[in-house]
Every structure is written in structure tokens, then in C-alpha cells.
C-alpha atoms as a PDB file:
ATOM      1  CA  MET A   1      31.165   0.206 -80.631  1.00  0.00           C
ATOM      2  CA  SER A   2      34.311   2.332 -80.748  1.00  0.00           C
ATOM      3  CA  LYS A   3      37.458   1.316 -78.916  1.00  0.00           C
ATOM      4  CA  SER A   4      37.119   4.401 -76.698  1.00  0.00           C
ATOM      5  CA  VAL A   5      33.840   2.999 -75.369  1.00  0.00           C
ATOM      6  CA  GLU A   6      35.258  -0.491 -74.842  1.00  0.00           C
ATOM      7  CA  SER A   7      38.016   0.663 -72.440  1.00  0.00           C
ATOM      8  CA  LEU A   8      36.885   3.175 -69.844  1.00  0.00           C
ATOM      9  CA  LEU A   9      38.384   4.773 -66.770  1.00  0.00           C
ATOM     10  CA  ALA A  10      36.386   5.184 -63.549  1.00  0.00           C
ATOM     11  CA  ARG A  11      36.193   8.120 -61.179  1.00  0.00           C
ATOM     12  CA  THR A  12      34.560   7.796 -57.760  1.00  0.00           C
ATOM     13  CA  PHE A  13      33.417  10.817 -55.752  1.00  0.00           C
ATOM     14  CA  PRO A  14      33.215  11.187 -51.939  1.00  0.00           C
ATOM     15  CA  GLU A  15      29.412  11.230 -52.306  1.00  0.00           C
ATOM     16  CA  GLY A  16      29.630   7.610 -53.520  1.00  0.00           C
ATOM     17  CA  ALA A  17      28.921   8.145 -57.222  1.00  0.00           C
ATOM     18  CA  THR A  18      31.102   6.525 -59.871  1.00  0.00           C
ATOM     19  CA  ILE A  19      31.450   7.860 -63.409  1.00  0.00           C
ATOM     20  CA  LEU A  20      32.968   5.891 -66.257  1.00  0.00           C
ATOM     21  CA  TYR A  21      34.690   8.025 -68.884  1.00  0.00           C
ATOM     22  CA  ARG A  22      37.132   7.906 -71.812  1.00  0.00           C
ATOM     23  CA  SER A  23      40.762   8.843 -71.208  1.00  0.00           C
ATOM     24  CA  GLY A  24      40.698  11.672 -73.730  1.00  0.00           C
ATOM     25  CA  LEU A  25      44.444  11.754 -74.282  1.00  0.00           C
ATOM     26  CA  GLN A  26      43.952  12.654 -77.950  1.00  0.00           C
ATOM     27  CA  LYS A  27      41.028  15.021 -77.361  1.00  0.00           C
ATOM     28  CA  ARG A  28      40.955  18.804 -77.266  1.00  0.00           C
ATOM     29  CA  ILE A  29      38.178  18.596 -74.661  1.00  0.00           C
ATOM     30  CA  PRO A  30      38.118  15.266 -72.770  1.00  0.00           C
ATOM     31  CA  ASP A  31      35.190  13.697 -70.874  1.00  0.00           C
ATOM     32  CA  GLU A  32      36.681  14.934 -67.608  1.00  0.00           C
ATOM     33  CA  TYR A  33      35.907  18.544 -68.511  1.00  0.00           C
ATOM     34  CA  PRO A  34      32.097  18.280 -68.208  1.00  0.00           C
ATOM     35  CA  ILE A  35      32.502  15.986 -65.189  1.00  0.00           C
ATOM     36  CA  ASN A  36      34.494  18.687 -63.391  1.00  0.00           C
ATOM     37  CA  GLU A  37      32.106  21.365 -64.645  1.00  0.00           C
ATOM     38  CA  ILE A  38      29.199  19.567 -62.964  1.00  0.00           C
ATOM     39  CA  TRP A  39      30.721  17.868 -59.932  1.00  0.00           C
ATOM     40  CA  GLU A  40      33.689  20.050 -58.954  1.00  0.00           C
ATOM     41  CA  ARG A  41      32.815  23.580 -60.075  1.00  0.00           C
ATOM     42  CA  ARG A  42      29.036  23.158 -59.709  1.00  0.00           C
ATOM     43  CA  GLU A  43      28.422  25.471 -62.657  1.00  0.00           C
ATOM     44  CA  TYR A  44      24.880  24.195 -63.224  1.00  0.00           C
ATOM     45  CA  THR A  45      24.010  24.059 -59.522  1.00  0.00           C
ATOM     46  CA  PRO A  46      25.545  27.046 -57.693  1.00  0.00           C
ATOM     47  CA  VAL A  47      24.837  27.619 -54.006  1.00  0.00           C
ATOM     48  CA  GLY A  48      21.112  28.089 -53.405  1.00  0.00           C
ATOM     49  CA  PHE A  49      20.216  26.707 -56.846  1.00  0.00           C
ATOM     50  CA  ASP A  50      20.201  22.938 -56.748  1.00  0.00           C
ATOM     51  CA  VAL A  51      18.201  19.862 -57.644  1.00  0.00           C
ATOM     52  CA  GLU A  52      15.705  19.104 -54.860  1.00  0.00           C
ATOM     53  CA  GLU A  53      14.601  15.826 -53.296  1.00  0.00           C
ATOM     54  CA  ASP A  54      11.316  15.465 -55.178  1.00  0.00           C
ATOM     55  CA  ASP A  55      12.196  17.218 -58.440  1.00  0.00           C
ATOM     56  CA  VAL A  56      11.403  15.947 -61.888  1.00  0.00           C
ATOM     57  CA  VAL A  57      14.575  16.701 -63.851  1.00  0.00           C
ATOM     58  CA  ILE A  58      15.044  16.885 -67.597  1.00  0.00           C
ATOM     59  CA  ASP A  59      18.621  16.543 -68.882  1.00  0.00           C
ATOM     60  CA  ILE A  60      18.965  17.605 -72.529  1.00  0.00           C
ATOM     61  CA  GLY A  61      22.408  16.719 -73.852  1.00  0.00           C
ATOM     62  CA  ALA A  62      23.169  14.137 -71.170  1.00  0.00           C
ATOM     63  CA  HIS A  63      26.559  13.145 -72.706  1.00  0.00           C
ATOM     64  CA  ILE A  64      27.921  10.262 -70.586  1.00  0.00           C
ATOM     65  CA  GLY A  65      25.727  11.031 -67.587  1.00  0.00           C
ATOM     66  CA  ALA A  66      27.635  13.337 -65.243  1.00  0.00           C
ATOM     67  CA  PHE A  67      24.614  15.555 -64.615  1.00  0.00           C
ATOM     68  CA  THR A  68      22.127  12.686 -64.842  1.00  0.00           C
ATOM     69  CA  ILE A  69      23.941  10.859 -62.039  1.00  0.00           C
ATOM     70  CA  TYR A  70      24.245  14.044 -59.972  1.00  0.00           C
ATOM     71  CA  ALA A  71      20.536  14.855 -60.402  1.00  0.00           C
ATOM     72  CA  ALA A  72      19.299  11.310 -59.769  1.00  0.00           C
ATOM     73  CA  ARG A  73      21.189  11.152 -56.475  1.00  0.00           C
ATOM     74  CA  LYS A  74      19.760  14.515 -55.412  1.00  0.00           C
ATOM     75  CA  ALA A  75      16.182  13.843 -56.551  1.00  0.00           C
ATOM     76  CA  ARG A  76      15.812  10.578 -54.616  1.00  0.00           C
ATOM     77  CA  SER A  77      12.021  10.946 -54.525  1.00  0.00           C
ATOM     78  CA  GLY A  78      11.833  12.408 -58.018  1.00  0.00           C
ATOM     79  CA  SER A  79      12.852  11.270 -61.483  1.00  0.00           C
ATOM     80  CA  VAL A  80      15.281  12.172 -64.258  1.00  0.00           C
ATOM     81  CA  TYR A  81      14.574  12.094 -68.000  1.00  0.00           C
ATOM     82  CA  SER A  82      17.829  12.127 -69.952  1.00  0.00           C
ATOM     83  CA  TYR A  83      18.254  12.730 -73.686  1.00  0.00           C
ATOM     84  CA  GLU A  84      21.500  12.013 -75.560  1.00  0.00           C
ATOM     85  CA  PRO A  85      21.671  11.430 -79.350  1.00  0.00           C
ATOM     86  CA  SER A  86      25.279  10.228 -79.834  1.00  0.00           C
ATOM     87  CA  SER A  87      25.362   6.419 -79.862  1.00  0.00           C
ATOM     88  CA  ASP A  88      28.839   6.194 -78.290  1.00  0.00           C
ATOM     89  CA  ASN A  89      27.912   8.625 -75.524  1.00  0.00           C
ATOM     90  CA  PHE A  90      24.595   6.867 -74.970  1.00  0.00           C
ATOM     91  CA  LEU A  91      26.294   3.505 -74.404  1.00  0.00           C
ATOM     92  CA  ILE A  92      28.441   5.031 -71.638  1.00  0.00           C
ATOM     93  CA  LEU A  93      25.416   6.855 -70.237  1.00  0.00           C
ATOM     94  CA  GLN A  94      23.597   3.534 -69.931  1.00  0.00           C
ATOM     95  CA  ARG A  95      26.559   1.935 -68.185  1.00  0.00           C
ATOM     96  CA  ASN A  96      26.921   4.842 -65.776  1.00  0.00           C
ATOM     97  CA  VAL A  97      23.271   4.684 -64.769  1.00  0.00           C
ATOM     98  CA  ALA A  98      23.571   0.917 -64.291  1.00  0.00           C
ATOM     99  CA  ILE A  99      26.737   0.916 -62.155  1.00  0.00           C
ATOM    100  CA  ASN A 100      25.242   3.579 -59.872  1.00  0.00           C
ATOM    101  CA  ASN A 101      22.084   1.495 -59.416  1.00  0.00           C
ATOM    102  CA  LEU A 102      19.841   4.414 -60.331  1.00  0.00           C
ATOM    103  CA  THR A 103      16.210   3.364 -60.626  1.00  0.00           C
ATOM    104  CA  ASN A 104      14.735   6.860 -61.027  1.00  0.00           C
ATOM    105  CA  VAL A 105      16.266   7.567 -64.462  1.00  0.00           C
ATOM    106  CA  CYS A 106      14.673   7.192 -67.921  1.00  0.00           C
ATOM    107  CA  LEU A 107      17.096   7.289 -70.867  1.00  0.00           C
ATOM    108  CA  PHE A 108      16.305   8.285 -74.435  1.00  0.00           C
ATOM    109  CA  GLN A 109      18.731   8.065 -77.360  1.00  0.00           C
ATOM    110  CA  MET A 110      17.350  11.178 -79.024  1.00  0.00           C
ATOM    111  CA  ALA A 111      18.228  14.778 -79.749  1.00  0.00           C
ATOM    112  CA  VAL A 112      15.955  17.656 -78.817  1.00  0.00           C
ATOM    113  CA  ALA A 113      15.199  20.295 -81.448  1.00  0.00           C
ATOM    114  CA  ASN A 114      12.404  22.577 -82.649  1.00  0.00           C
ATOM    115  CA  ASN A 115      10.462  19.795 -84.366  1.00  0.00           C
ATOM    116  CA  VAL A 116      10.005  16.043 -84.439  1.00  0.00           C
ATOM    117  CA  SER A 117      12.308  14.853 -87.195  1.00  0.00           C
ATOM    118  CA  ARG A 118      15.489  12.978 -88.087  1.00  0.00           C
ATOM    119  CA  LYS A 119      18.697  14.962 -88.512  1.00  0.00           C
ATOM    120  CA  GLN A 120      22.351  14.364 -89.250  1.00  0.00           C
ATOM    121  CA  LEU A 121      24.364  14.848 -86.057  1.00  0.00           C
ATOM    122  CA  ILE A 122      27.937  15.953 -86.782  1.00  0.00           C
ATOM    123  CA  ILE A 123      30.480  14.245 -84.531  1.00  0.00           C
ATOM    124  CA  ASP A 124      33.377  16.332 -83.200  1.00  0.00           C
ATOM    125  CA  GLU A 125      36.412  14.017 -83.230  1.00  0.00           C
ATOM    126  CA  THR A 126      38.256  16.313 -80.781  1.00  0.00           C
ATOM    127  CA  ASN A 127      35.427  16.654 -78.233  1.00  0.00           C
ATOM    128  CA  ASP A 128      33.104  13.781 -77.362  1.00  0.00           C
ATOM    129  CA  ALA A 129      30.697  16.265 -75.747  1.00  0.00           C
ATOM    130  CA  GLY A 130      30.696  18.472 -78.842  1.00  0.00           C
ATOM    131  CA  ALA A 131      28.428  16.689 -81.344  1.00  0.00           C
ATOM    132  CA  SER A 132      26.228  19.280 -83.023  1.00  0.00           C
ATOM    133  CA  PHE A 133      23.884  19.985 -85.908  1.00  0.00           C
ATOM    134  CA  PHE A 134      25.804  23.153 -86.742  1.00  0.00           C
ATOM    135  CA  LYS A 135      29.410  22.064 -87.265  1.00  0.00           C
ATOM    136  CA  THR A 136      30.936  21.343 -90.661  1.00  0.00           C
ATOM    137  CA  GLY A 137      32.999  18.322 -91.625  1.00  0.00           C
ATOM    138  CA  GLY A 138      33.536  15.189 -89.621  1.00  0.00           C
ATOM    139  CA  THR A 139      31.500  12.007 -89.493  1.00  0.00           C
ATOM    140  CA  THR A 140      27.736  12.093 -89.109  1.00  0.00           C
ATOM    141  CA  GLU A 141      25.084  10.017 -87.381  1.00  0.00           C
ATOM    142  CA  LEU A 142      21.382  10.086 -88.250  1.00  0.00           C
ATOM    143  CA  VAL A 143      19.420  10.707 -85.042  1.00  0.00           C
ATOM    144  CA  ASP A 144      15.814  11.030 -83.987  1.00  0.00           C
ATOM    145  CA  CYS A 145      14.681  14.393 -82.626  1.00  0.00           C
ATOM    146  CA  THR A 146      11.877  15.366 -80.278  1.00  0.00           C
ATOM    147  CA  THR A 147      10.894  18.728 -78.776  1.00  0.00           C
ATOM    148  CA  LEU A 148      10.771  20.041 -75.227  1.00  0.00           C
ATOM    149  CA  GLU A 149       6.982  20.089 -75.473  1.00  0.00           C
ATOM    150  CA  GLY A 150       7.123  16.492 -76.724  1.00  0.00           C
ATOM    151  CA  ILE A 151       9.154  15.458 -73.690  1.00  0.00           C
ATOM    152  CA  PHE A 152       6.474  16.800 -71.359  1.00  0.00           C
ATOM    153  CA  LYS A 153       3.642  15.191 -73.285  1.00  0.00           C
ATOM    154  CA  SER A 154       5.210  11.773 -73.904  1.00  0.00           C
ATOM    155  CA  ASN A 155       6.306  11.397 -70.287  1.00  0.00           C
ATOM    156  CA  LEU A 156       3.152  12.960 -68.801  1.00  0.00           C
ATOM    157  CA  ILE A 157       5.228  15.546 -66.912  1.00  0.00           C
ATOM    158  CA  GLU A 158       3.083  18.038 -65.010  1.00  0.00           C
ATOM    159  CA  GLU A 159       5.941  19.941 -63.368  1.00  0.00           C
ATOM    160  CA  CYS A 160       9.690  20.048 -63.979  1.00  0.00           C
ATOM    161  CA  GLY A 161      11.735  21.200 -61.024  1.00  0.00           C
ATOM    162  CA  PHE A 162      15.006  21.467 -62.940  1.00  0.00           C
ATOM    163  CA  LEU A 163      15.727  21.644 -66.670  1.00  0.00           C
ATOM    164  CA  LYS A 164      19.384  21.317 -67.729  1.00  0.00           C
ATOM    165  CA  ILE A 165      20.401  21.990 -71.336  1.00  0.00           C
ATOM    166  CA  ASP A 166      23.806  21.484 -72.941  1.00  0.00           C
ATOM    167  CA  CYS A 167      23.252  20.795 -76.629  1.00  0.00           C
ATOM    168  CA  GLU A 168      25.943  22.621 -78.597  1.00  0.00           C
ATOM    169  CA  GLY A 169      23.906  25.434 -80.167  1.00  0.00           C
ATOM    170  CA  SER A 170      20.422  23.874 -80.265  1.00  0.00           C
ATOM    171  CA  GLU A 171      19.408  25.649 -77.060  1.00  0.00           C
ATOM    172  CA  TYR A 172      17.983  28.574 -79.025  1.00  0.00           C
ATOM    173  CA  GLU A 173      15.655  26.605 -81.288  1.00  0.00           C
ATOM    174  CA  ILE A 174      14.587  24.355 -78.402  1.00  0.00           C
ATOM    175  CA  LEU A 175      13.565  27.228 -76.136  1.00  0.00           C
ATOM    176  CA  PHE A 176      12.292  29.649 -78.764  1.00  0.00           C
ATOM    177  CA  SER A 177       9.894  27.000 -80.153  1.00  0.00           C
ATOM    178  CA  THR A 178       8.489  25.965 -76.764  1.00  0.00           C
ATOM    179  CA  PRO A 179       4.962  27.229 -75.958  1.00  0.00           C
ATOM    180  CA  MET A 180       4.231  29.298 -72.873  1.00  0.00           C
ATOM    181  CA  ASP A 181       2.169  26.593 -71.174  1.00  0.00           C
ATOM    182  CA  ILE A 182       5.301  24.417 -70.977  1.00  0.00           C
ATOM    183  CA  PHE A 183       7.381  27.179 -69.383  1.00  0.00           C
ATOM    184  CA  ARG A 184       4.695  27.524 -66.698  1.00  0.00           C
ATOM    185  CA  LYS A 185       5.623  23.964 -65.665  1.00  0.00           C
ATOM    186  CA  ILE A 186       9.407  24.569 -65.389  1.00  0.00           C
ATOM    187  CA  ASN A 187      10.765  25.982 -62.114  1.00  0.00           C
ATOM    188  CA  ARG A 188      14.503  26.225 -62.765  1.00  0.00           C
ATOM    189  CA  ILE A 189      16.616  26.226 -65.927  1.00  0.00           C
ATOM    190  CA  ALA A 190      20.406  25.809 -66.158  1.00  0.00           C
ATOM    191  CA  LEU A 191      21.805  25.925 -69.673  1.00  0.00           C
ATOM    192  CA  GLU A 192      25.030  26.242 -71.562  1.00  0.00           C
ATOM    193  CA  TYR A 193      24.741  28.707 -74.431  1.00  0.00           C
ATOM    194  CA  HIS A 194      26.906  28.915 -77.520  1.00  0.00           C
ATOM    195  CA  VAL A 195      27.298  32.281 -79.246  1.00  0.00           C
ATOM    196  CA  ARG A 196      26.542  32.009 -82.971  1.00  0.00           C
ATOM    197  CA  ASP A 197      27.601  35.433 -84.283  1.00  0.00           C
ATOM    198  CA  LYS A 198      26.234  35.072 -87.791  1.00  0.00           C
ATOM    199  CA  ILE A 199      22.706  34.172 -86.668  1.00  0.00           C
ATOM    200  CA  PRO A 200      20.372  36.759 -85.077  1.00  0.00           C
ATOM    201  CA  ASN A 201      19.267  36.130 -81.480  1.00  0.00           C
ATOM    202  CA  CYS A 202      21.788  33.367 -80.879  1.00  0.00           C
ATOM    203  CA  ASN A 203      23.474  35.043 -77.909  1.00  0.00           C
ATOM    204  CA  PRO A 204      22.993  35.195 -74.131  1.00  0.00           C
ATOM    205  CA  ASN A 205      21.134  38.505 -74.144  1.00  0.00           C
ATOM    206  CA  ALA A 206      18.485  37.040 -76.447  1.00  0.00           C
ATOM    207  CA  LEU A 207      18.032  34.073 -74.110  1.00  0.00           C
ATOM    208  CA  ILE A 208      17.881  36.298 -71.032  1.00  0.00           C
ATOM    209  CA  ASN A 209      15.288  38.612 -72.573  1.00  0.00           C
ATOM    210  CA  PHE A 210      13.242  35.689 -73.885  1.00  0.00           C
ATOM    211  CA  LEU A 211      13.110  33.922 -70.518  1.00  0.00           C
ATOM    212  CA  ARG A 212      12.433  37.127 -68.577  1.00  0.00           C
ATOM    213  CA  LYS A 213       9.294  37.586 -70.668  1.00  0.00           C
ATOM    214  CA  ARG A 214       8.270  34.097 -69.579  1.00  0.00           C
ATOM    215  CA  GLY A 215       8.571  34.825 -65.891  1.00  0.00           C
ATOM    216  CA  TYR A 216      12.182  33.915 -65.112  1.00  0.00           C
ATOM    217  CA  VAL A 217      14.871  35.824 -63.289  1.00  0.00           C
ATOM    218  CA  ILE A 218      18.562  35.215 -63.807  1.00  0.00           C
ATOM    219  CA  VAL A 219      20.343  33.636 -60.829  1.00  0.00           C
ATOM    220  CA  LYS A 220      23.855  33.357 -62.214  1.00  0.00           C
ATOM    221  CA  HIS A 221      25.734  33.980 -65.462  1.00  0.00           C
ATOM    222  CA  THR A 222      29.113  32.344 -65.984  1.00  0.00           C
ATOM    223  CA  PRO A 223      30.507  33.660 -69.314  1.00  0.00           C
ATOM    224  CA  LYS A 224      33.355  31.845 -71.061  1.00  0.00           C
ATOM    225  CA  ASP A 225      35.036  32.142 -74.440  1.00  0.00           C
ATOM    226  CA  GLY A 226      32.214  31.996 -76.987  1.00  0.00           C
ATOM    227  CA  LEU A 227      29.862  30.265 -74.589  1.00  0.00           C
ATOM    228  CA  GLY A 228      28.694  30.333 -70.995  1.00  0.00           C
ATOM    229  CA  ILE A 229      26.240  28.984 -68.443  1.00  0.00           C
ATOM    230  CA  LEU A 230      23.008  30.709 -67.416  1.00  0.00           C
ATOM    231  CA  CYS A 231      20.876  29.757 -64.412  1.00  0.00           C
ATOM    232  CA  PHE A 232      17.265  30.949 -64.130  1.00  0.00           C
ATOM    233  CA  LYS A 233      14.420  30.475 -61.679  1.00  0.00           C
ATOM    234  CA  ARG A 234      10.765  31.082 -62.357  1.00  0.00           C
ATOM    235  CA  GLU A 235       9.064  33.803 -60.325  1.00  0.00           C
ATOM    236  CA  LEU A 236       5.663  34.180 -62.032  1.00  0.00           C
END
């Protein structure tokens, strides 16, 4: 276990949730950034587009659990399936679920990709939420991978009310490899995309067009520098 995981800070919200996180003093992007993104700015859950009481939620790229905790508290009669491959992040994710006494969460130390495999995850030393299969340099960690279809089948999920994806560039291969019968079971999707200029169809327009053909309409698009967040709901 790294020293950053041994000594954690705690942040408590008016809603009663507590999130443990690393200080991030030496980080380009600290843990507090995704916490604020989810809890303060509500970028994955804008007004009128939220996790509902009885939703089954899938959290791909759960990091330390900011969205998992948010979703589990919203979906009191539902359940949350959270996937995070980084071992350091996963340890904090486990602790965050435990200290919030969440009994409707299932945790998996796995990545999600376009096939069932084992891959080298590249750790971003400047951003604990930035581990990726597509970076160069840095330390690596061998991780198990499943697919979105595999998540549905292994957990016997018949309907997913809310799918959240933040997986540092893997969003394209995850979605593009998912069969239509799985999309018919997903009501809402909120995802962070990462523009990969040198690779065809790795941009927001490709995602928007792909999901429109599968019955989704775009609810909100929050573009940023080289990335952004897209929210979709299923209409067909």
C-alpha cells in the first residue's frame, strides 16, 4: 500500500456522506477534482437527469468512490456495481463504501474494455484518477478486464437505470463493442470522453452519432479542454 493511501483526509457533505481522499499536494489533478465534479458541479447528474430511487447503477472507472457513494445514496432501493482497476484507488473505494455503511454496492477490482483479458494499466503519477491503457511511460499494473456486456451477464442485470463511465479513453472501445440488446437495457448514460486526435472516431461527435443510432438523445454536453462530459437518455 502506498503512503498516500495510508494517510487520508476526509470530507463530509451536508447530505451526510463522507469521502476519504488523498491530499494531492504534489498532483497536477488531485482527488478533490472529481469529487467536486460529481458533488459540487453535478456534471454527471444535471437538473432533471439524476439517479433514481430504484435504479440499478453501473459505475465504470469508480476511482475512490465519489460517484459510487452519490449513486448509492440516491438509489436506496436499487444497487450500484462499481468497477475500478487501480489497486490504490480500489483500497480507498472499499474504505469509502465501508465508512458510509453502504449495503447496496458491489465492488470489482477490474477494468472494462472491449474484451475479457488482462492488460497493463499505466499509472499517471500526477493524477490518481488518470490511469489509462493509452498513456506512455510511468509505472504499470496488470489488471483484469471485463466488458459492458459481461457486467450485465455476470450480475444478471435486466435493466440499468444509470450508466456512468469515466475511464480515460476506453469509453470508445467499451461502447462501440457493446451489442444492441445491452443498450436496450440502459436508460441513461453519463460519460466523460477523451479526444484522441490520431485515432478515427475517438471524439464526441462519433459517440453522439453512435448513441443516437441506438435510441438515445443528448441531454447535456459539457466540453472541456481535450475532453468533456456527455449525458444521454434513451427514448426508443
